[in-house]
Amino acid sequence: MPLHSVSVAGIVVRDDGRVLVIRRADNGTWEPPGGVLELHERPEDGVIREVLEETGINVSVERLTGVYKNMSRGVVALVFLCRPISGEERTSSESTAVEWVTPREVEHSMAEVFAVRVLDALDDSAPHVRSHDGRQLLRSA
């Protein structure tokens, strides 16, 4: 039986439209904050925990905006639109930088598979379902 891992990510948007991102400590890439969902956790609770751990920002979860599967690693990511409610930006053992960026900056600073998660969350349509190979989206046949 194939095994899958489930991760969560928070697209945290301020009132001015800027989005919270981290530079990961392990590989230096810019991504939305997130991580592996614990076995006992509800997805919404996991995203609140991960964003707080990695950025110092407490959030409220608004809605699911996308489901993304890394076909090569078997990781299914649930991505949620969130709003900041308290806290101060800080780095952690998992992040070397925490910044609020514009959607345009997201497009230029992130790999496609992470930028699309942010941009999908900013559009008001139904949740997106996408597959990727770890770097690029896999286009439908």
N, C-alpha and C. Protein backbone atom coordinates (compact mmCIF):
# COMPACT_ATOMS: atom_id res chain seq x y z
N MET A 1 0.84 -1.18 0.00
CA MET A 1 0.00 0.00 0.00
C MET A 1 0.89 1.25 0.00
N PRO A 2 0.65 2.18 -0.92
CA PRO A 2 1.48 3.39 -0.95
C PRO A 2 1.24 4.26 0.28
N LEU A 3 2.30 4.90 0.73
CA LEU A 3 2.21 5.80 1.86
C LEU A 3 2.32 7.23 1.38
N HIS A 4 1.50 8.10 1.94
CA HIS A 4 1.54 9.52 1.63
C HIS A 4 1.81 10.29 2.92
N SER A 5 2.43 11.42 2.77
CA SER A 5 2.62 12.34 3.87
C SER A 5 1.71 13.54 3.62
N VAL A 6 1.17 14.12 4.68
CA VAL A 6 0.31 15.29 4.54
C VAL A 6 0.99 16.48 5.19
N SER A 7 1.11 17.56 4.42
CA SER A 7 1.66 18.79 4.97
C SER A 7 0.61 19.89 4.87
N VAL A 8 0.85 20.97 5.59
CA VAL A 8 -0.04 22.14 5.57
C VAL A 8 0.82 23.38 5.35
N ALA A 9 0.22 24.39 4.73
CA ALA A 9 0.91 25.67 4.56
C ALA A 9 -0.11 26.78 4.73
N GLY A 10 0.35 27.90 5.28
CA GLY A 10 -0.51 29.06 5.48
C GLY A 10 -0.12 30.20 4.57
N ILE A 11 -1.07 30.68 3.80
CA ILE A 11 -0.87 31.89 3.00
C ILE A 11 -1.46 33.01 3.85
N VAL A 12 -0.59 33.69 4.59
CA VAL A 12 -1.00 34.70 5.56
C VAL A 12 -0.97 36.06 4.86
N VAL A 13 -2.14 36.69 4.79
CA VAL A 13 -2.27 37.95 4.05
C VAL A 13 -2.67 39.07 5.01
N ARG A 14 -1.89 40.14 4.98
CA ARG A 14 -2.21 41.33 5.77
C ARG A 14 -3.27 42.16 5.05
N ASP A 15 -3.82 43.15 5.76
CA ASP A 15 -4.82 44.05 5.18
C ASP A 15 -4.28 44.81 3.97
N ASP A 16 -2.96 45.04 3.92
CA ASP A 16 -2.38 45.77 2.78
C ASP A 16 -2.07 44.86 1.59
N GLY A 17 -2.43 43.57 1.71
CA GLY A 17 -2.23 42.64 0.60
C GLY A 17 -0.89 41.93 0.59
N ARG A 18 0.01 42.30 1.49
CA ARG A 18 1.31 41.61 1.54
C ARG A 18 1.15 40.22 2.17
N VAL A 19 2.02 39.32 1.74
CA VAL A 19 1.95 37.91 2.12
C VAL A 19 3.20 37.54 2.93
N LEU A 20 3.00 36.75 3.99
CA LEU A 20 4.09 36.31 4.86
C LEU A 20 4.83 35.14 4.22
N VAL A 21 6.16 35.26 4.08
CA VAL A 21 6.97 34.19 3.52
C VAL A 21 8.22 33.99 4.39
N ILE A 22 8.79 32.81 4.26
CA ILE A 22 10.04 32.51 4.97
C ILE A 22 11.10 32.06 3.97
N ARG A 23 12.36 32.29 4.35
CA ARG A 23 13.48 31.66 3.63
C ARG A 23 13.88 30.46 4.48
N ARG A 24 13.71 29.28 3.91
CA ARG A 24 13.97 28.04 4.65
C ARG A 24 15.44 27.91 5.03
N ALA A 25 15.68 27.44 6.24
CA ALA A 25 17.04 27.27 6.72
C ALA A 25 17.75 26.11 6.03
N ASP A 26 17.01 25.07 5.65
CA ASP A 26 17.65 23.88 5.09
C ASP A 26 18.08 24.02 3.63
N ASN A 27 17.34 24.81 2.84
CA ASN A 27 17.71 24.90 1.42
C ASN A 27 17.73 26.31 0.85
N GLY A 28 17.40 27.31 1.68
CA GLY A 28 17.49 28.70 1.24
C GLY A 28 16.39 29.18 0.32
N THR A 29 15.37 28.35 0.08
CA THR A 29 14.30 28.77 -0.83
C THR A 29 13.25 29.57 -0.07
N TRP A 30 12.55 30.44 -0.80
CA TRP A 30 11.45 31.23 -0.24
C TRP A 30 10.16 30.44 -0.42
N GLU A 31 9.40 30.31 0.66
CA GLU A 31 8.16 29.54 0.64
C GLU A 31 7.17 30.12 1.64
N PRO A 32 5.89 29.76 1.49
CA PRO A 32 4.95 30.07 2.57
C PRO A 32 5.30 29.21 3.78
N PRO A 33 5.05 29.67 5.00
CA PRO A 33 5.33 28.84 6.17
C PRO A 33 4.42 27.61 6.20
N GLY A 34 4.97 26.50 6.67
CA GLY A 34 4.20 25.27 6.76
C GLY A 34 5.08 24.09 7.10
N GLY A 35 4.45 22.93 7.17
CA GLY A 35 5.20 21.72 7.49
C GLY A 35 4.29 20.52 7.61
N VAL A 36 4.84 19.44 8.11
CA VAL A 36 4.13 18.17 8.20
C VAL A 36 3.03 18.23 9.25
N LEU A 37 1.87 17.74 8.89
CA LEU A 37 0.74 17.65 9.80
C LEU A 37 0.98 16.51 10.78
N GLU A 38 0.82 16.78 12.07
CA GLU A 38 0.97 15.73 13.08
C GLU A 38 -0.21 14.76 12.97
N LEU A 39 0.00 13.51 13.35
CA LEU A 39 -1.01 12.47 13.23
C LEU A 39 -2.31 12.82 13.94
N HIS A 40 -2.23 13.46 15.10
CA HIS A 40 -3.40 13.77 15.93
C HIS A 40 -4.04 15.12 15.61
N GLU A 41 -3.45 15.89 14.68
CA GLU A 41 -3.88 17.27 14.46
C GLU A 41 -4.94 17.43 13.37
N ARG A 42 -5.86 18.35 13.60
CA ARG A 42 -6.74 18.82 12.54
C ARG A 42 -5.90 19.69 11.62
N PRO A 43 -6.17 19.69 10.31
CA PRO A 43 -5.36 20.51 9.40
C PRO A 43 -5.30 21.99 9.79
N GLU A 44 -6.42 22.57 10.22
CA GLU A 44 -6.42 23.98 10.61
C GLU A 44 -5.52 24.23 11.81
N ASP A 45 -5.52 23.31 12.77
CA ASP A 45 -4.66 23.46 13.94
C ASP A 45 -3.19 23.33 13.55
N GLY A 46 -2.90 22.45 12.61
CA GLY A 46 -1.53 22.25 12.15
C GLY A 46 -0.98 23.48 11.47
N VAL A 47 -1.79 24.13 10.65
CA VAL A 47 -1.29 25.32 9.95
C VAL A 47 -1.08 26.47 10.94
N ILE A 48 -1.94 26.61 11.92
CA ILE A 48 -1.75 27.64 12.95
C ILE A 48 -0.43 27.39 13.69
N ARG A 49 -0.17 26.13 14.07
CA ARG A 49 1.06 25.77 14.79
C ARG A 49 2.29 26.04 13.93
N GLU A 50 2.27 25.58 12.69
CA GLU A 50 3.43 25.73 11.82
C GLU A 50 3.77 27.20 11.55
N VAL A 51 2.76 28.02 11.26
CA VAL A 51 3.02 29.44 10.99
C VAL A 51 3.62 30.09 12.23
N LEU A 52 3.06 29.80 13.41
CA LEU A 52 3.59 30.38 14.64
C LEU A 52 5.03 29.93 14.89
N GLU A 53 5.30 28.63 14.75
CA GLU A 53 6.65 28.10 15.00
C GLU A 53 7.68 28.74 14.08
N GLU A 54 7.34 28.92 12.81
CA GLU A 54 8.32 29.37 11.83
C GLU A 54 8.44 30.89 11.73
N THR A 55 7.40 31.64 12.17
CA THR A 55 7.41 33.08 11.92
C THR A 55 7.14 33.95 13.15
N GLY A 56 6.59 33.39 14.22
CA GLY A 56 6.20 34.19 15.38
C GLY A 56 4.84 34.85 15.25
N ILE A 57 4.13 34.58 14.16
CA ILE A 57 2.84 35.22 13.90
C ILE A 57 1.69 34.25 14.21
N ASN A 58 0.74 34.69 15.05
CA ASN A 58 -0.49 33.93 15.31
C ASN A 58 -1.48 34.27 14.21
N VAL A 59 -2.17 33.25 13.71
CA VAL A 59 -3.11 33.47 12.60
C VAL A 59 -4.47 32.86 12.89
N SER A 60 -5.47 33.35 12.15
CA SER A 60 -6.76 32.69 12.08
C SER A 60 -6.88 32.11 10.68
N VAL A 61 -7.49 30.95 10.57
CA VAL A 61 -7.63 30.26 9.29
C VAL A 61 -8.97 30.64 8.67
N GLU A 62 -8.94 31.11 7.43
CA GLU A 62 -10.18 31.49 6.74
C GLU A 62 -10.77 30.36 5.91
N ARG A 63 -9.94 29.75 5.03
CA ARG A 63 -10.49 28.70 4.17
C ARG A 63 -9.38 27.94 3.48
N LEU A 64 -9.71 26.72 3.05
CA LEU A 64 -8.83 25.91 2.22
C LEU A 64 -8.78 26.52 0.83
N THR A 65 -7.58 26.73 0.30
CA THR A 65 -7.46 27.32 -1.04
C THR A 65 -6.87 26.37 -2.06
N GLY A 66 -6.27 25.27 -1.61
CA GLY A 66 -5.71 24.35 -2.59
C GLY A 66 -5.18 23.08 -1.98
N VAL A 67 -5.11 22.06 -2.84
CA VAL A 67 -4.52 20.76 -2.50
C VAL A 67 -3.47 20.49 -3.58
N TYR A 68 -2.25 20.23 -3.16
CA TYR A 68 -1.12 20.09 -4.08
C TYR A 68 -0.40 18.79 -3.78
N LYS A 69 -0.19 17.95 -4.80
CA LYS A 69 0.49 16.68 -4.58
C LYS A 69 1.83 16.67 -5.30
N ASN A 70 2.88 16.42 -4.53
CA ASN A 70 4.21 16.19 -5.08
C ASN A 70 4.24 14.73 -5.52
N MET A 71 4.15 14.50 -6.82
CA MET A 71 4.04 13.13 -7.35
C MET A 71 5.30 12.31 -7.11
N SER A 72 6.46 12.95 -7.06
CA SER A 72 7.71 12.20 -6.88
C SER A 72 7.96 11.82 -5.43
N ARG A 73 7.41 12.57 -4.48
CA ARG A 73 7.65 12.28 -3.06
C ARG A 73 6.42 11.79 -2.30
N GLY A 74 5.25 11.83 -2.92
CA GLY A 74 4.04 11.37 -2.25
C GLY A 74 3.58 12.27 -1.13
N VAL A 75 3.85 13.57 -1.25
CA VAL A 75 3.43 14.53 -0.23
C VAL A 75 2.21 15.28 -0.75
N VAL A 76 1.16 15.28 0.07
CA VAL A 76 -0.04 16.04 -0.25
C VAL A 76 -0.06 17.26 0.67
N ALA A 77 -0.09 18.45 0.07
CA ALA A 77 -0.08 19.69 0.84
C ALA A 77 -1.47 20.33 0.80
N LEU A 78 -1.98 20.66 1.98
CA LEU A 78 -3.24 21.39 2.12
C LEU A 78 -2.86 22.84 2.42
N VAL A 79 -3.34 23.76 1.59
CA VAL A 79 -2.96 25.16 1.73
C VAL A 79 -4.18 25.99 2.13
N PHE A 80 -3.98 26.83 3.15
CA PHE A 80 -5.07 27.62 3.72
C PHE A 80 -4.77 29.11 3.65
N LEU A 81 -5.80 29.91 3.36
CA LEU A 81 -5.71 31.35 3.47
C LEU A 81 -5.86 31.70 4.94
N CYS A 82 -4.94 32.52 5.45
CA CYS A 82 -4.95 32.90 6.87
C CYS A 82 -4.81 34.41 7.00
N ARG A 83 -5.22 34.92 8.17
CA ARG A 83 -5.05 36.33 8.50
C ARG A 83 -4.22 36.43 9.77
N PRO A 84 -3.29 37.39 9.84
CA PRO A 84 -2.51 37.56 11.07
C PRO A 84 -3.39 38.16 12.17
N ILE A 85 -3.23 37.67 13.41
CA ILE A 85 -3.99 38.25 14.52
C ILE A 85 -3.10 38.83 15.62
N SER A 86 -1.88 38.34 15.74
CA SER A 86 -0.96 38.89 16.74
C SER A 86 0.44 38.34 16.49
N GLY A 87 1.39 38.86 17.26
CA GLY A 87 2.76 38.36 17.18
C GLY A 87 3.68 39.30 16.44
N GLU A 88 4.97 39.01 16.56
CA GLU A 88 6.03 39.78 15.90
C GLU A 88 6.85 38.81 15.05
N GLU A 89 7.22 39.25 13.85
CA GLU A 89 8.01 38.41 12.97
C GLU A 89 9.34 38.06 13.62
N ARG A 90 9.70 36.80 13.52
CA ARG A 90 11.00 36.33 14.01
C ARG A 90 11.38 35.08 13.24
N THR A 91 12.66 34.82 13.17
CA THR A 91 13.11 33.60 12.52
C THR A 91 13.08 32.45 13.53
N SER A 92 13.32 31.26 13.04
CA SER A 92 13.33 30.06 13.89
C SER A 92 14.43 29.13 13.40
N SER A 93 14.50 27.94 13.97
CA SER A 93 15.48 26.97 13.49
C SER A 93 15.16 26.53 12.06
N GLU A 94 13.92 26.77 11.60
CA GLU A 94 13.52 26.38 10.25
C GLU A 94 13.53 27.53 9.25
N SER A 95 13.72 28.77 9.73
CA SER A 95 13.68 29.92 8.83
C SER A 95 14.83 30.88 9.11
N THR A 96 15.47 31.37 8.05
CA THR A 96 16.57 32.33 8.21
C THR A 96 16.10 33.76 7.93
N ALA A 97 14.90 33.91 7.37
CA ALA A 97 14.31 35.23 7.14
C ALA A 97 12.80 35.08 7.11
N VAL A 98 12.12 36.12 7.59
CA VAL A 98 10.66 36.19 7.57
C VAL A 98 10.30 37.56 7.03
N GLU A 99 9.54 37.59 5.94
CA GLU A 99 9.23 38.87 5.30
C GLU A 99 7.79 38.91 4.82
N TRP A 100 7.27 40.14 4.70
CA TRP A 100 5.97 40.40 4.09
C TRP A 100 6.25 40.90 2.69
N VAL A 101 5.79 40.18 1.67
CA VAL A 101 6.09 40.53 0.28
C VAL A 101 4.80 40.75 -0.51
N THR A 102 4.96 41.41 -1.65
CA THR A 102 3.82 41.63 -2.53
C THR A 102 3.61 40.39 -3.40
N PRO A 103 2.41 40.21 -3.94
CA PRO A 103 2.19 39.09 -4.87
C PRO A 103 3.17 39.10 -6.04
N ARG A 104 3.52 40.28 -6.54
CA ARG A 104 4.49 40.37 -7.65
C ARG A 104 5.86 39.85 -7.21
N GLU A 105 6.26 40.17 -5.98
CA GLU A 105 7.55 39.67 -5.47
C GLU A 105 7.52 38.16 -5.32
N VAL A 106 6.37 37.60 -4.97
CA VAL A 106 6.21 36.15 -4.86
C VAL A 106 6.56 35.49 -6.19
N GLU A 107 6.01 36.03 -7.27
CA GLU A 107 6.24 35.45 -8.59
C GLU A 107 7.72 35.42 -8.97
N HIS A 108 8.49 36.40 -8.49
CA HIS A 108 9.90 36.49 -8.88
C HIS A 108 10.85 35.81 -7.90
N SER A 109 10.41 35.54 -6.68
CA SER A 109 11.33 35.01 -5.68
C SER A 109 11.10 33.54 -5.34
N MET A 110 9.98 32.97 -5.77
CA MET A 110 9.66 31.58 -5.40
C MET A 110 9.63 30.67 -6.61
N ALA A 111 9.95 29.41 -6.36
CA ALA A 111 9.77 28.38 -7.39
C ALA A 111 8.29 28.29 -7.75
N GLU A 112 8.00 27.89 -8.97
CA GLU A 112 6.62 27.83 -9.46
C GLU A 112 5.69 27.07 -8.52
N VAL A 113 6.13 25.93 -7.98
CA VAL A 113 5.24 25.11 -7.15
C VAL A 113 4.83 25.78 -5.85
N PHE A 114 5.62 26.76 -5.39
CA PHE A 114 5.25 27.50 -4.18
C PHE A 114 4.55 28.80 -4.53
N ALA A 115 5.01 29.48 -5.57
CA ALA A 115 4.36 30.72 -5.99
C ALA A 115 2.90 30.47 -6.34
N VAL A 116 2.61 29.36 -7.02
CA VAL A 116 1.23 29.09 -7.42
C VAL A 116 0.32 28.91 -6.21
N ARG A 117 0.85 28.39 -5.12
CA ARG A 117 0.04 28.22 -3.90
C ARG A 117 -0.39 29.58 -3.35
N VAL A 118 0.52 30.54 -3.39
CA VAL A 118 0.20 31.89 -2.92
C VAL A 118 -0.81 32.54 -3.86
N LEU A 119 -0.54 32.48 -5.16
CA LEU A 119 -1.40 33.15 -6.13
C LEU A 119 -2.78 32.49 -6.16
N ASP A 120 -2.85 31.16 -6.03
CA ASP A 120 -4.15 30.48 -5.96
C ASP A 120 -4.95 30.96 -4.75
N ALA A 121 -4.27 31.15 -3.62
CA ALA A 121 -4.96 31.57 -2.39
C ALA A 121 -5.51 32.99 -2.51
N LEU A 122 -4.87 33.80 -3.34
CA LEU A 122 -5.30 35.19 -3.49
C LEU A 122 -6.47 35.36 -4.45
N ASP A 123 -6.78 34.30 -5.21
CA ASP A 123 -7.96 34.41 -6.08
C ASP A 123 -9.13 33.76 -5.36
N ASP A 124 -10.31 34.27 -5.58
CA ASP A 124 -11.47 33.87 -4.78
C ASP A 124 -12.24 32.66 -5.32
N SER A 125 -11.67 31.95 -6.27
CA SER A 125 -12.39 30.81 -6.82
C SER A 125 -12.31 29.62 -5.87
N ALA A 126 -12.95 28.54 -6.25
CA ALA A 126 -12.97 27.32 -5.43
C ALA A 126 -11.54 26.82 -5.22
N PRO A 127 -11.33 25.93 -4.24
CA PRO A 127 -9.97 25.41 -4.03
C PRO A 127 -9.40 24.78 -5.31
N HIS A 128 -8.12 25.01 -5.51
CA HIS A 128 -7.40 24.45 -6.66
C HIS A 128 -6.82 23.09 -6.28
N VAL A 129 -6.76 22.19 -7.23
CA VAL A 129 -6.13 20.88 -7.04
C VAL A 129 -5.07 20.75 -8.13
N ARG A 130 -3.81 20.62 -7.73
CA ARG A 130 -2.71 20.58 -8.69
C ARG A 130 -1.69 19.50 -8.31
N SER A 131 -1.01 19.01 -9.32
CA SER A 131 0.07 18.04 -9.11
C SER A 131 1.37 18.64 -9.63
N HIS A 132 2.47 18.24 -9.01
CA HIS A 132 3.78 18.74 -9.43
C HIS A 132 4.84 17.69 -9.17
N ASP A 133 6.04 17.96 -9.71
CA ASP A 133 7.15 17.01 -9.56
C ASP A 133 8.16 17.46 -8.51
N GLY A 134 7.80 18.45 -7.72
CA GLY A 134 8.71 18.99 -6.72
C GLY A 134 9.29 20.32 -7.14
N ARG A 135 9.28 20.60 -8.45
CA ARG A 135 9.80 21.87 -8.96
C ARG A 135 8.79 22.59 -9.85
N GLN A 136 8.14 21.83 -10.72
CA GLN A 136 7.22 22.44 -11.67
C GLN A 136 5.86 21.75 -11.63
N LEU A 137 4.83 22.51 -11.99
CA LEU A 137 3.50 21.93 -12.09
C LEU A 137 3.46 20.93 -13.23
N LEU A 138 2.67 19.88 -13.04
CA LEU A 138 2.43 18.92 -14.11
C LEU A 138 1.17 19.35 -14.82
N ARG A 139 1.28 19.60 -16.09
CA ARG A 139 0.13 20.07 -16.86
C ARG A 139 -0.80 18.90 -17.16
N SER A 140 -2.09 19.18 -17.16
CA SER A 140 -3.08 18.17 -17.50
C SER A 140 -2.91 17.75 -18.96
N ALA A 141 -3.16 16.47 -19.21
CA ALA A 141 -3.00 15.97 -20.58
C ALA A 141 -4.11 16.46 -21.48
